[in-house]
Amino acid sequence: MERAAIGHIERKLRSAFPEAAIERVEVLEHGDDPGVEPGQTALRVFIDRGGRPEGEEADLEIVHRFDEAHNVALRKLHKGLPPAIAWVEFVPGGQAPRPHGPRLRTGLERQAATLEQVPGDLTSVMTRLGPADLATVDTLITAGIATSRAEVLRWALGRIRQHPAYAQLQQRVQEIDELKAQF
């Protein structure tokens, strides 16, 4: 993302909250964080600690208080941000966010709207991928096979269904189900 666009996004984000509420903003692109898909951008916003010490309990309190104090602004946040911003994450200030520390993430509203526009009867499935699998999925996106991680997984499952061995596997599963029913 271009520097001018990044500056505009950061100013827009900062204008939604009181000046002292935000320490700094990081723009995350693909490769900066595993949750950012190719072609997407995300924001990590560091919340002012207000003099509180670091630690999981204090961090949880910081995130909870920020959510309470700025609930309306958080709900309206994505209005005015470009569609390329997949999510915005709020974490307690400090050197770096703890990988499993408390955080507040917004952006699910846009994802829900996207799911509603997809035709057909779909079920959402969440999965966790290791580094090698994630790199494989992202390579397929970069190569143009699909436009998102979800689409890559649908594509891969479609390829499996086309394989002749899959039909045999389905038949065997049906036979096993019939045998189980006899018990």
Foldseek 3Di string as FASTA:
>chain_A
DDPVLVVVLVVLQCVLDPVQQWDDKDKDAPPRDLVHAHQAIEMETATELVPDDDDQVSFVVSQVVVCVVRVVSLVCVVVPRDPSHQKYKYGHDDDDGDPPGDIDMDRVVVVVVVVVPDDDDDDDDDDDDDPVVSVVLRVCCVVPVDVGSVRSVVVVVVVVCPDPVVVVVVVVVVVVVVVVVVD
